[in-house]
Amino acid sequence: MAHEDPIVEVIQFVSTEQCLGNPSLFQALRDVVQGWQEKGLKGQYWGATVVKPNNIYWVLFWQSRAHAAAFAADPLYPEFVQRRQSLATTAVRDLYAPLSGNPQLCVEAPITEVDFYKVHGACIEEEHEIGHSAMHHLRSLQPQGFTGSSYGVVHEDPSIGVYFAGWNSVEDHMRIAIK
């Protein structure tokens, strides 16, 4: 495969009660993905949101978009997607974005903030830049408990951006969020 920049796949879904009650169901899917470590998977992380514990984020770090596409082209992928959807009460959201900086620092923090945002208007690139400037400003402030941030534009829809921030605690995040 030709050299490409690394890409992050963000999978989000609302889990079923069965998934919450039987963690081995989700673990089996993570094991399938882990089998791709020799084929371009650089790491995977997952977690539930603090406010809604059935809202799951699963983050896959791929060596490149081509490696992620090879996983999606695998003959067993449709079964994987079906099994993944069976763990969700809503449609699974699955997006790819090259992220700035070191997004792995964000997901390795005790608390990871994941936000999707949509820009509107004729100048999508300029609107993304306004958001990125605000994120750079937060990074420059180095608030207590902040471990880093990363952002990027979603491949499938350039009007959507994704933002990660790492925090040492929910309290550290909330101190900034309510200002």
N, C-alpha and C. Protein backbone atom coordinates (compact mmCIF):
# COMPACT_ATOMS: atom_id res chain seq x y z
N MET A 1 0.84 -1.18 0.00
CA MET A 1 0.00 0.00 0.00
C MET A 1 0.88 1.24 0.00
N ALA A 2 0.48 2.22 -0.76
CA ALA A 2 1.22 3.49 -0.81
C ALA A 2 1.14 4.18 0.54
N HIS A 3 2.12 5.04 0.80
CA HIS A 3 2.13 5.76 2.07
C HIS A 3 0.98 6.75 2.12
N GLU A 4 0.24 6.69 3.19
CA GLU A 4 -0.83 7.65 3.46
C GLU A 4 -0.71 8.03 4.93
N ASP A 5 -1.35 9.12 5.28
CA ASP A 5 -1.37 9.53 6.67
C ASP A 5 -2.26 8.58 7.48
N PRO A 6 -1.95 8.43 8.77
CA PRO A 6 -2.81 7.63 9.64
C PRO A 6 -4.23 8.20 9.67
N ILE A 7 -5.18 7.35 9.95
CA ILE A 7 -6.57 7.79 10.02
C ILE A 7 -7.22 7.17 11.25
N VAL A 8 -8.17 7.89 11.81
CA VAL A 8 -8.89 7.43 12.98
C VAL A 8 -10.32 7.12 12.56
N GLU A 9 -10.79 5.95 12.95
CA GLU A 9 -12.18 5.56 12.72
C GLU A 9 -12.91 5.72 14.05
N VAL A 10 -13.99 6.50 14.05
CA VAL A 10 -14.78 6.70 15.26
C VAL A 10 -16.13 6.03 15.04
N ILE A 11 -16.41 5.06 15.88
CA ILE A 11 -17.67 4.32 15.82
C ILE A 11 -18.45 4.70 17.07
N GLN A 12 -19.70 5.10 16.87
CA GLN A 12 -20.54 5.51 18.00
C GLN A 12 -21.87 4.80 17.89
N PHE A 13 -22.35 4.27 19.01
CA PHE A 13 -23.67 3.65 19.01
C PHE A 13 -24.25 3.66 20.42
N VAL A 14 -25.57 3.52 20.49
CA VAL A 14 -26.27 3.37 21.75
C VAL A 14 -26.46 1.87 21.94
N SER A 15 -25.90 1.34 23.01
CA SER A 15 -25.87 -0.11 23.19
C SER A 15 -27.19 -0.65 23.72
N THR A 16 -27.43 -1.91 23.39
CA THR A 16 -28.60 -2.61 23.90
C THR A 16 -28.35 -2.99 25.36
N GLU A 17 -29.42 -3.31 26.07
CA GLU A 17 -29.28 -3.79 27.44
C GLU A 17 -28.49 -5.10 27.46
N GLN A 18 -28.69 -5.93 26.43
CA GLN A 18 -27.97 -7.19 26.34
C GLN A 18 -26.46 -6.95 26.24
N CYS A 19 -26.07 -5.95 25.46
CA CYS A 19 -24.65 -5.61 25.32
C CYS A 19 -24.08 -5.13 26.65
N LEU A 20 -24.84 -4.29 27.35
CA LEU A 20 -24.38 -3.79 28.65
C LEU A 20 -24.29 -4.91 29.68
N GLY A 21 -25.26 -5.84 29.61
CA GLY A 21 -25.31 -6.93 30.58
C GLY A 21 -24.33 -8.06 30.31
N ASN A 22 -23.84 -8.15 29.07
CA ASN A 22 -22.94 -9.23 28.71
C ASN A 22 -21.74 -8.65 27.95
N PRO A 23 -20.75 -8.12 28.66
CA PRO A 23 -19.61 -7.47 28.01
C PRO A 23 -18.86 -8.36 27.02
N SER A 24 -19.00 -9.68 27.14
CA SER A 24 -18.29 -10.57 26.21
C SER A 24 -18.77 -10.40 24.77
N LEU A 25 -20.00 -9.91 24.57
CA LEU A 25 -20.51 -9.69 23.21
C LEU A 25 -19.69 -8.62 22.49
N PHE A 26 -19.44 -7.51 23.18
CA PHE A 26 -18.65 -6.43 22.58
C PHE A 26 -17.18 -6.83 22.52
N GLN A 27 -16.72 -7.56 23.53
CA GLN A 27 -15.33 -8.03 23.54
C GLN A 27 -15.05 -8.90 22.31
N ALA A 28 -16.00 -9.72 21.92
CA ALA A 28 -15.81 -10.58 20.74
C ALA A 28 -15.58 -9.74 19.49
N LEU A 29 -16.29 -8.63 19.35
CA LEU A 29 -16.09 -7.74 18.20
C LEU A 29 -14.72 -7.06 18.27
N ARG A 30 -14.35 -6.63 19.46
CA ARG A 30 -13.03 -6.00 19.61
C ARG A 30 -11.92 -6.99 19.28
N ASP A 31 -12.14 -8.26 19.61
CA ASP A 31 -11.15 -9.30 19.28
C ASP A 31 -11.02 -9.46 17.77
N VAL A 32 -12.13 -9.37 17.04
CA VAL A 32 -12.08 -9.46 15.57
C VAL A 32 -11.20 -8.33 15.03
N VAL A 33 -11.43 -7.12 15.51
CA VAL A 33 -10.64 -5.97 15.05
C VAL A 33 -9.17 -6.14 15.45
N GLN A 34 -8.94 -6.63 16.66
CA GLN A 34 -7.56 -6.81 17.13
C GLN A 34 -6.79 -7.75 16.22
N GLY A 35 -7.48 -8.67 15.57
CA GLY A 35 -6.84 -9.57 14.62
C GLY A 35 -6.24 -8.85 13.42
N TRP A 36 -6.55 -7.59 13.25
CA TRP A 36 -6.02 -6.78 12.15
C TRP A 36 -4.76 -6.01 12.55
N GLN A 37 -4.21 -6.31 13.70
CA GLN A 37 -3.01 -5.60 14.14
C GLN A 37 -1.85 -5.78 13.16
N GLU A 38 -1.74 -6.93 12.55
CA GLU A 38 -0.67 -7.18 11.58
C GLU A 38 -0.99 -6.55 10.22
N LYS A 39 -2.23 -6.08 10.06
CA LYS A 39 -2.69 -5.58 8.76
C LYS A 39 -3.04 -4.10 8.80
N GLY A 40 -2.45 -3.34 9.71
CA GLY A 40 -2.64 -1.90 9.70
C GLY A 40 -3.35 -1.29 10.89
N LEU A 41 -3.92 -2.11 11.79
CA LEU A 41 -4.53 -1.56 12.99
C LEU A 41 -3.42 -1.17 13.96
N LYS A 42 -3.44 0.08 14.42
CA LYS A 42 -2.40 0.55 15.35
C LYS A 42 -2.88 0.55 16.79
N GLY A 43 -4.18 0.47 17.00
CA GLY A 43 -4.71 0.45 18.36
C GLY A 43 -6.20 0.69 18.35
N GLN A 44 -6.85 0.30 19.44
CA GLN A 44 -8.28 0.56 19.59
C GLN A 44 -8.59 0.87 21.04
N TYR A 45 -9.54 1.77 21.21
CA TYR A 45 -9.96 2.21 22.53
C TYR A 45 -11.48 2.32 22.51
N TRP A 46 -12.09 2.15 23.64
CA TRP A 46 -13.54 2.31 23.71
C TRP A 46 -13.93 2.78 25.10
N GLY A 47 -15.12 3.33 25.17
CA GLY A 47 -15.64 3.76 26.45
C GLY A 47 -17.06 4.26 26.32
N ALA A 48 -17.72 4.34 27.45
CA ALA A 48 -19.09 4.84 27.52
C ALA A 48 -19.05 6.29 27.99
N THR A 49 -20.06 7.05 27.60
CA THR A 49 -20.12 8.43 28.05
C THR A 49 -20.53 8.48 29.53
N VAL A 50 -20.11 9.53 30.20
CA VAL A 50 -20.39 9.68 31.62
C VAL A 50 -21.89 9.90 31.85
N VAL A 51 -22.50 10.74 31.03
CA VAL A 51 -23.90 11.11 31.22
C VAL A 51 -24.84 9.99 30.79
N LYS A 52 -24.52 9.31 29.70
CA LYS A 52 -25.36 8.23 29.19
C LYS A 52 -24.49 6.98 29.01
N PRO A 53 -24.42 6.13 30.03
CA PRO A 53 -23.50 4.99 29.99
C PRO A 53 -23.78 3.97 28.88
N ASN A 54 -24.92 4.07 28.23
CA ASN A 54 -25.17 3.15 27.11
C ASN A 54 -24.73 3.75 25.77
N ASN A 55 -24.20 4.96 25.79
CA ASN A 55 -23.67 5.62 24.59
C ASN A 55 -22.19 5.25 24.47
N ILE A 56 -21.86 4.44 23.49
CA ILE A 56 -20.51 3.87 23.36
C ILE A 56 -19.74 4.55 22.23
N TYR A 57 -18.48 4.87 22.51
CA TYR A 57 -17.54 5.34 21.48
C TYR A 57 -16.44 4.29 21.38
N TRP A 58 -16.13 3.92 20.15
CA TRP A 58 -15.09 2.93 19.87
C TRP A 58 -14.17 3.58 18.84
N VAL A 59 -12.93 3.76 19.19
CA VAL A 59 -11.97 4.49 18.35
C VAL A 59 -10.90 3.52 17.86
N LEU A 60 -10.76 3.44 16.53
CA LEU A 60 -9.76 2.57 15.91
C LEU A 60 -8.71 3.44 15.23
N PHE A 61 -7.47 3.17 15.51
CA PHE A 61 -6.36 3.88 14.87
C PHE A 61 -5.81 2.99 13.76
N TRP A 62 -5.89 3.49 12.52
CA TRP A 62 -5.41 2.75 11.36
C TRP A 62 -4.16 3.41 10.80
N GLN A 63 -3.28 2.58 10.27
CA GLN A 63 -2.05 3.07 9.65
C GLN A 63 -2.38 4.01 8.50
N SER A 64 -3.48 3.73 7.78
CA SER A 64 -3.91 4.59 6.67
C SER A 64 -5.37 4.29 6.35
N ARG A 65 -5.98 5.15 5.55
CA ARG A 65 -7.36 4.91 5.09
C ARG A 65 -7.41 3.63 4.27
N ALA A 66 -6.34 3.33 3.52
CA ALA A 66 -6.30 2.11 2.71
C ALA A 66 -6.35 0.87 3.60
N HIS A 67 -5.70 0.91 4.75
CA HIS A 67 -5.75 -0.23 5.67
C HIS A 67 -7.16 -0.41 6.24
N ALA A 68 -7.81 0.69 6.58
CA ALA A 68 -9.18 0.60 7.07
C ALA A 68 -10.10 0.08 5.97
N ALA A 69 -9.86 0.52 4.73
CA ALA A 69 -10.67 0.06 3.60
C ALA A 69 -10.46 -1.43 3.35
N ALA A 70 -9.24 -1.92 3.57
CA ALA A 70 -8.97 -3.35 3.40
C ALA A 70 -9.77 -4.17 4.42
N PHE A 71 -9.87 -3.65 5.65
CA PHE A 71 -10.70 -4.32 6.66
C PHE A 71 -12.15 -4.37 6.19
N ALA A 72 -12.65 -3.24 5.67
CA ALA A 72 -14.04 -3.18 5.21
C ALA A 72 -14.28 -4.05 3.98
N ALA A 73 -13.23 -4.36 3.23
CA ALA A 73 -13.36 -5.21 2.03
C ALA A 73 -13.21 -6.70 2.35
N ASP A 74 -12.84 -7.02 3.58
CA ASP A 74 -12.68 -8.42 3.97
C ASP A 74 -14.01 -9.15 3.80
N PRO A 75 -14.00 -10.39 3.31
CA PRO A 75 -15.25 -11.14 3.12
C PRO A 75 -16.06 -11.32 4.41
N LEU A 76 -15.41 -11.25 5.56
CA LEU A 76 -16.12 -11.42 6.83
C LEU A 76 -16.67 -10.10 7.38
N TYR A 77 -16.36 -8.99 6.71
CA TYR A 77 -16.78 -7.68 7.22
C TYR A 77 -18.31 -7.54 7.32
N PRO A 78 -19.09 -7.99 6.33
CA PRO A 78 -20.55 -7.86 6.47
C PRO A 78 -21.09 -8.54 7.74
N GLU A 79 -20.53 -9.69 8.08
CA GLU A 79 -20.95 -10.36 9.32
C GLU A 79 -20.55 -9.53 10.53
N PHE A 80 -19.35 -8.93 10.49
CA PHE A 80 -18.89 -8.06 11.56
C PHE A 80 -19.86 -6.89 11.74
N VAL A 81 -20.25 -6.25 10.64
CA VAL A 81 -21.17 -5.10 10.69
C VAL A 81 -22.52 -5.53 11.27
N GLN A 82 -22.99 -6.69 10.85
CA GLN A 82 -24.27 -7.20 11.35
C GLN A 82 -24.19 -7.46 12.86
N ARG A 83 -23.11 -8.07 13.31
CA ARG A 83 -22.93 -8.33 14.74
C ARG A 83 -22.81 -7.01 15.51
N ARG A 84 -22.10 -6.05 14.95
CA ARG A 84 -21.94 -4.75 15.59
C ARG A 84 -23.30 -4.07 15.72
N GLN A 85 -24.09 -4.08 14.65
CA GLN A 85 -25.40 -3.45 14.69
C GLN A 85 -26.33 -4.13 15.68
N SER A 86 -26.16 -5.44 15.87
CA SER A 86 -27.03 -6.17 16.81
C SER A 86 -26.81 -5.72 18.25
N LEU A 87 -25.70 -5.05 18.52
CA LEU A 87 -25.42 -4.55 19.87
C LEU A 87 -25.94 -3.14 20.08
N ALA A 88 -26.57 -2.56 19.06
CA ALA A 88 -27.01 -1.16 19.11
C ALA A 88 -28.52 -1.04 19.01
N THR A 89 -29.06 -0.01 19.66
CA THR A 89 -30.49 0.27 19.56
C THR A 89 -30.78 1.30 18.47
N THR A 90 -29.74 1.94 17.96
CA THR A 90 -29.88 2.92 16.88
C THR A 90 -28.86 2.57 15.80
N ALA A 91 -28.93 3.27 14.69
CA ALA A 91 -27.94 3.05 13.64
C ALA A 91 -26.54 3.37 14.17
N VAL A 92 -25.58 2.56 13.80
CA VAL A 92 -24.19 2.77 14.22
C VAL A 92 -23.60 3.88 13.36
N ARG A 93 -22.97 4.83 14.01
CA ARG A 93 -22.27 5.92 13.31
C ARG A 93 -20.82 5.51 13.16
N ASP A 94 -20.29 5.57 11.94
CA ASP A 94 -18.94 5.09 11.65
C ASP A 94 -18.29 6.10 10.71
N LEU A 95 -17.34 6.89 11.24
CA LEU A 95 -16.72 7.96 10.46
C LEU A 95 -15.20 7.86 10.52
N TYR A 96 -14.55 8.36 9.46
CA TYR A 96 -13.09 8.34 9.36
C TYR A 96 -12.57 9.76 9.24
N ALA A 97 -11.51 10.06 9.99
CA ALA A 97 -10.92 11.39 9.91
C ALA A 97 -9.43 11.32 10.23
N PRO A 98 -8.62 12.02 9.44
CA PRO A 98 -7.22 12.20 9.85
C PRO A 98 -7.22 13.27 10.94
N LEU A 99 -6.62 12.99 12.07
CA LEU A 99 -6.67 13.93 13.19
C LEU A 99 -5.31 14.58 13.42
N SER A 100 -5.36 15.82 13.86
CA SER A 100 -4.15 16.60 14.12
C SER A 100 -3.43 16.08 15.37
N GLY A 101 -2.19 16.47 15.49
CA GLY A 101 -1.43 16.18 16.70
C GLY A 101 -1.34 14.70 17.01
N ASN A 102 -1.51 14.38 18.28
CA ASN A 102 -1.43 13.00 18.74
C ASN A 102 -2.75 12.61 19.40
N PRO A 103 -3.73 12.16 18.61
CA PRO A 103 -5.03 11.83 19.19
C PRO A 103 -4.96 10.69 20.20
N GLN A 104 -3.93 9.86 20.11
CA GLN A 104 -3.81 8.74 21.03
C GLN A 104 -3.63 9.24 22.47
N LEU A 105 -2.96 10.39 22.65
CA LEU A 105 -2.83 10.96 23.99
C LEU A 105 -4.20 11.28 24.58
N CYS A 106 -5.11 11.72 23.74
CA CYS A 106 -6.46 12.07 24.22
C CYS A 106 -7.21 10.83 24.69
N VAL A 107 -7.17 9.75 23.90
CA VAL A 107 -7.94 8.56 24.27
C VAL A 107 -7.26 7.75 25.37
N GLU A 108 -6.00 8.01 25.63
CA GLU A 108 -5.32 7.34 26.73
C GLU A 108 -5.51 8.08 28.06
N ALA A 109 -6.08 9.28 28.01
CA ALA A 109 -6.36 10.04 29.23
C ALA A 109 -7.49 9.35 30.00
N PRO A 110 -7.58 9.59 31.31
CA PRO A 110 -8.67 8.98 32.07
C PRO A 110 -10.07 9.35 31.55
N ILE A 111 -10.21 10.56 31.04
CA ILE A 111 -11.49 11.02 30.47
C ILE A 111 -11.21 11.55 29.07
N THR A 112 -11.99 11.09 28.10
CA THR A 112 -11.84 11.57 26.73
C THR A 112 -13.14 12.22 26.29
N GLU A 113 -13.03 13.43 25.85
CA GLU A 113 -14.17 14.15 25.27
C GLU A 113 -14.14 13.91 23.77
N VAL A 114 -15.27 13.47 23.21
CA VAL A 114 -15.39 13.28 21.76
C VAL A 114 -16.58 14.10 21.31
N ASP A 115 -16.34 15.02 20.40
CA ASP A 115 -17.41 15.86 19.88
C ASP A 115 -17.40 15.82 18.36
N PHE A 116 -18.58 15.74 17.79
CA PHE A 116 -18.76 15.93 16.36
C PHE A 116 -19.39 17.30 16.19
N TYR A 117 -19.02 18.01 15.17
CA TYR A 117 -19.65 19.30 14.89
C TYR A 117 -19.87 19.42 13.40
N LYS A 118 -20.85 20.22 13.03
CA LYS A 118 -21.18 20.41 11.62
C LYS A 118 -21.08 21.89 11.30
N VAL A 119 -20.38 22.20 10.21
CA VAL A 119 -20.28 23.59 9.77
C VAL A 119 -21.26 23.79 8.62
N HIS A 120 -21.78 24.99 8.53
CA HIS A 120 -22.77 25.32 7.51
C HIS A 120 -22.27 26.52 6.72
N GLY A 121 -22.71 26.64 5.52
CA GLY A 121 -22.34 27.81 4.74
C GLY A 121 -21.49 27.47 3.55
N ALA A 122 -21.17 28.49 2.80
CA ALA A 122 -20.45 28.32 1.54
C ALA A 122 -18.96 28.08 1.74
N CYS A 123 -18.41 28.55 2.83
CA CYS A 123 -16.96 28.48 3.05
C CYS A 123 -16.64 27.48 4.16
N ILE A 124 -16.82 26.21 3.87
CA ILE A 124 -16.63 25.15 4.86
C ILE A 124 -15.23 25.19 5.46
N GLU A 125 -14.22 25.34 4.62
CA GLU A 125 -12.84 25.35 5.12
C GLU A 125 -12.61 26.48 6.10
N GLU A 126 -13.14 27.67 5.80
CA GLU A 126 -12.98 28.81 6.70
C GLU A 126 -13.70 28.57 8.02
N GLU A 127 -14.88 27.97 7.96
CA GLU A 127 -15.63 27.70 9.18
C GLU A 127 -14.92 26.66 10.05
N HIS A 128 -14.34 25.63 9.43
CA HIS A 128 -13.55 24.67 10.19
C HIS A 128 -12.37 25.38 10.85
N GLU A 129 -11.75 26.30 10.13
CA GLU A 129 -10.58 27.00 10.66
C GLU A 129 -10.94 27.82 11.90
N ILE A 130 -12.14 28.40 11.94
CA ILE A 130 -12.59 29.13 13.13
C ILE A 130 -12.64 28.18 14.33
N GLY A 131 -13.22 27.01 14.13
CA GLY A 131 -13.27 26.01 15.20
C GLY A 131 -11.89 25.55 15.62
N HIS A 132 -11.02 25.33 14.64
CA HIS A 132 -9.66 24.88 14.95
C HIS A 132 -8.91 25.95 15.74
N SER A 133 -9.15 27.22 15.42
CA SER A 133 -8.50 28.31 16.16
C SER A 133 -8.93 28.29 17.63
N ALA A 134 -10.22 28.04 17.86
CA ALA A 134 -10.71 27.97 19.24
C ALA A 134 -10.05 26.80 19.98
N MET A 135 -9.85 25.68 19.28
CA MET A 135 -9.20 24.53 19.91
C MET A 135 -7.73 24.81 20.20
N HIS A 136 -7.07 25.53 19.29
CA HIS A 136 -5.68 25.93 19.53
C HIS A 136 -5.59 26.85 20.75
N HIS A 137 -6.59 27.73 20.88
CA HIS A 137 -6.61 28.64 22.02
C HIS A 137 -6.73 27.86 23.33
N LEU A 138 -7.63 26.88 23.37
CA LEU A 138 -7.78 26.05 24.57
C LEU A 138 -6.45 25.36 24.88
N ARG A 139 -5.83 24.81 23.86
CA ARG A 139 -4.55 24.12 24.05
C ARG A 139 -3.50 25.09 24.62
N SER A 140 -3.49 26.33 24.14
CA SER A 140 -2.49 27.31 24.60
C SER A 140 -2.72 27.71 26.06
N LEU A 141 -3.96 27.63 26.53
CA LEU A 141 -4.25 27.97 27.92
C LEU A 141 -3.75 26.91 28.90
N GLN A 142 -3.58 25.68 28.42
CA GLN A 142 -3.15 24.56 29.26
C GLN A 142 -3.92 24.51 30.58
N PRO A 143 -5.25 24.38 30.50
CA PRO A 143 -6.03 24.34 31.74
C PRO A 143 -5.67 23.12 32.59
N GLN A 144 -5.92 23.25 33.87
CA GLN A 144 -5.62 22.17 34.81
C GLN A 144 -6.32 20.89 34.37
N GLY A 145 -5.59 19.80 34.32
CA GLY A 145 -6.16 18.50 33.99
C GLY A 145 -6.31 18.22 32.52
N PHE A 146 -5.95 19.15 31.67
CA PHE A 146 -6.06 18.99 30.21
C PHE A 146 -4.82 18.27 29.71
N THR A 147 -5.01 17.17 28.97
CA THR A 147 -3.85 16.40 28.49
C THR A 147 -3.57 16.59 27.01
N GLY A 148 -4.50 17.19 26.29
CA GLY A 148 -4.27 17.44 24.87
C GLY A 148 -5.55 17.40 24.06
N SER A 149 -5.45 17.84 22.81
CA SER A 149 -6.61 17.82 21.93
C SER A 149 -6.17 17.47 20.52
N SER A 150 -7.14 17.06 19.73
CA SER A 150 -6.89 16.65 18.36
C SER A 150 -8.18 16.84 17.59
N TYR A 151 -8.08 17.18 16.32
CA TYR A 151 -9.29 17.40 15.54
C TYR A 151 -9.01 17.10 14.08
N GLY A 152 -10.09 16.94 13.34
CA GLY A 152 -9.97 16.71 11.91
C GLY A 152 -11.32 16.78 11.23
N VAL A 153 -11.27 16.72 9.93
CA VAL A 153 -12.47 16.78 9.09
C VAL A 153 -12.79 15.37 8.62
N VAL A 154 -14.05 15.00 8.71
CA VAL A 154 -14.50 13.66 8.35
C VAL A 154 -14.40 13.44 6.85
N HIS A 155 -13.82 12.31 6.47
CA HIS A 155 -13.65 11.96 5.05
C HIS A 155 -14.98 11.92 4.29
N GLU A 156 -15.97 11.27 4.88
CA GLU A 156 -17.23 11.03 4.19
C GLU A 156 -18.06 12.29 3.99
N ASP A 157 -17.86 13.29 4.83
CA ASP A 157 -18.64 14.52 4.75
C ASP A 157 -17.79 15.68 5.27
N PRO A 158 -17.20 16.49 4.37
CA PRO A 158 -16.31 17.56 4.80
C PRO A 158 -16.97 18.66 5.62
N SER A 159 -18.29 18.63 5.77
CA SER A 159 -18.94 19.62 6.63
C SER A 159 -18.95 19.17 8.09
N ILE A 160 -18.49 17.95 8.36
CA ILE A 160 -18.47 17.42 9.72
C ILE A 160 -17.03 17.36 10.21
N GLY A 161 -16.84 17.82 11.43
CA GLY A 161 -15.54 17.71 12.07
C GLY A 161 -15.66 16.86 13.32
N VAL A 162 -14.53 16.36 13.77
CA VAL A 162 -14.49 15.58 15.01
C VAL A 162 -13.36 16.16 15.87
N TYR A 163 -13.61 16.19 17.16
CA TYR A 163 -12.68 16.79 18.12
C TYR A 163 -12.51 15.84 19.30
N PHE A 164 -11.29 15.59 19.69
CA PHE A 164 -10.97 14.81 20.89
C PHE A 164 -10.26 15.74 21.87
N ALA A 165 -10.55 15.57 23.14
CA ALA A 165 -9.77 16.24 24.19
C ALA A 165 -9.57 15.25 25.32
N GLY A 166 -8.40 15.24 25.88
CA GLY A 166 -8.11 14.36 27.01
C GLY A 166 -8.10 15.16 28.30
N TRP A 167 -8.65 14.56 29.35
CA TRP A 167 -8.75 15.21 30.65
C TRP A 167 -8.38 14.21 31.74
N ASN A 168 -7.85 14.72 32.83
CA ASN A 168 -7.51 13.86 33.96
C ASN A 168 -8.73 13.45 34.77
N SER A 169 -9.80 14.27 34.71
CA SER A 169 -11.02 13.95 35.45
C SER A 169 -12.21 14.67 34.82
N VAL A 170 -13.40 14.20 35.16
CA VAL A 170 -14.62 14.87 34.71
C VAL A 170 -14.66 16.28 35.28
N GLU A 171 -14.21 16.44 36.52
CA GLU A 171 -14.22 17.75 37.16
C GLU A 171 -13.34 18.75 36.40
N ASP A 172 -12.17 18.29 35.95
CA ASP A 172 -11.29 19.18 35.17
C ASP A 172 -11.99 19.63 33.90
N HIS A 173 -12.65 18.71 33.23
CA HIS A 173 -13.36 19.05 32.00
C HIS A 173 -14.50 20.03 32.29
N MET A 174 -15.27 19.75 33.33
CA MET A 174 -16.43 20.59 33.63
C MET A 174 -16.03 22.00 34.05
N ARG A 175 -14.88 22.15 34.68
CA ARG A 175 -14.40 23.48 35.06
C ARG A 175 -14.27 24.37 33.82
N ILE A 176 -13.81 23.82 32.73
CA ILE A 176 -13.66 24.57 31.48
C ILE A 176 -14.99 24.65 30.74
N ALA A 177 -15.76 23.58 30.75
CA ALA A 177 -17.00 23.53 29.97
C ALA A 177 -18.03 24.55 30.45
N ILE A 178 -18.03 24.87 31.75
CA ILE A 178 -19.05 25.79 32.25
C ILE A 178 -18.61 27.24 32.23
N LYS A 179 -17.37 27.51 31.82
CA LYS A 179 -16.90 28.90 31.76
C LYS A 179 -17.44 29.60 30.55
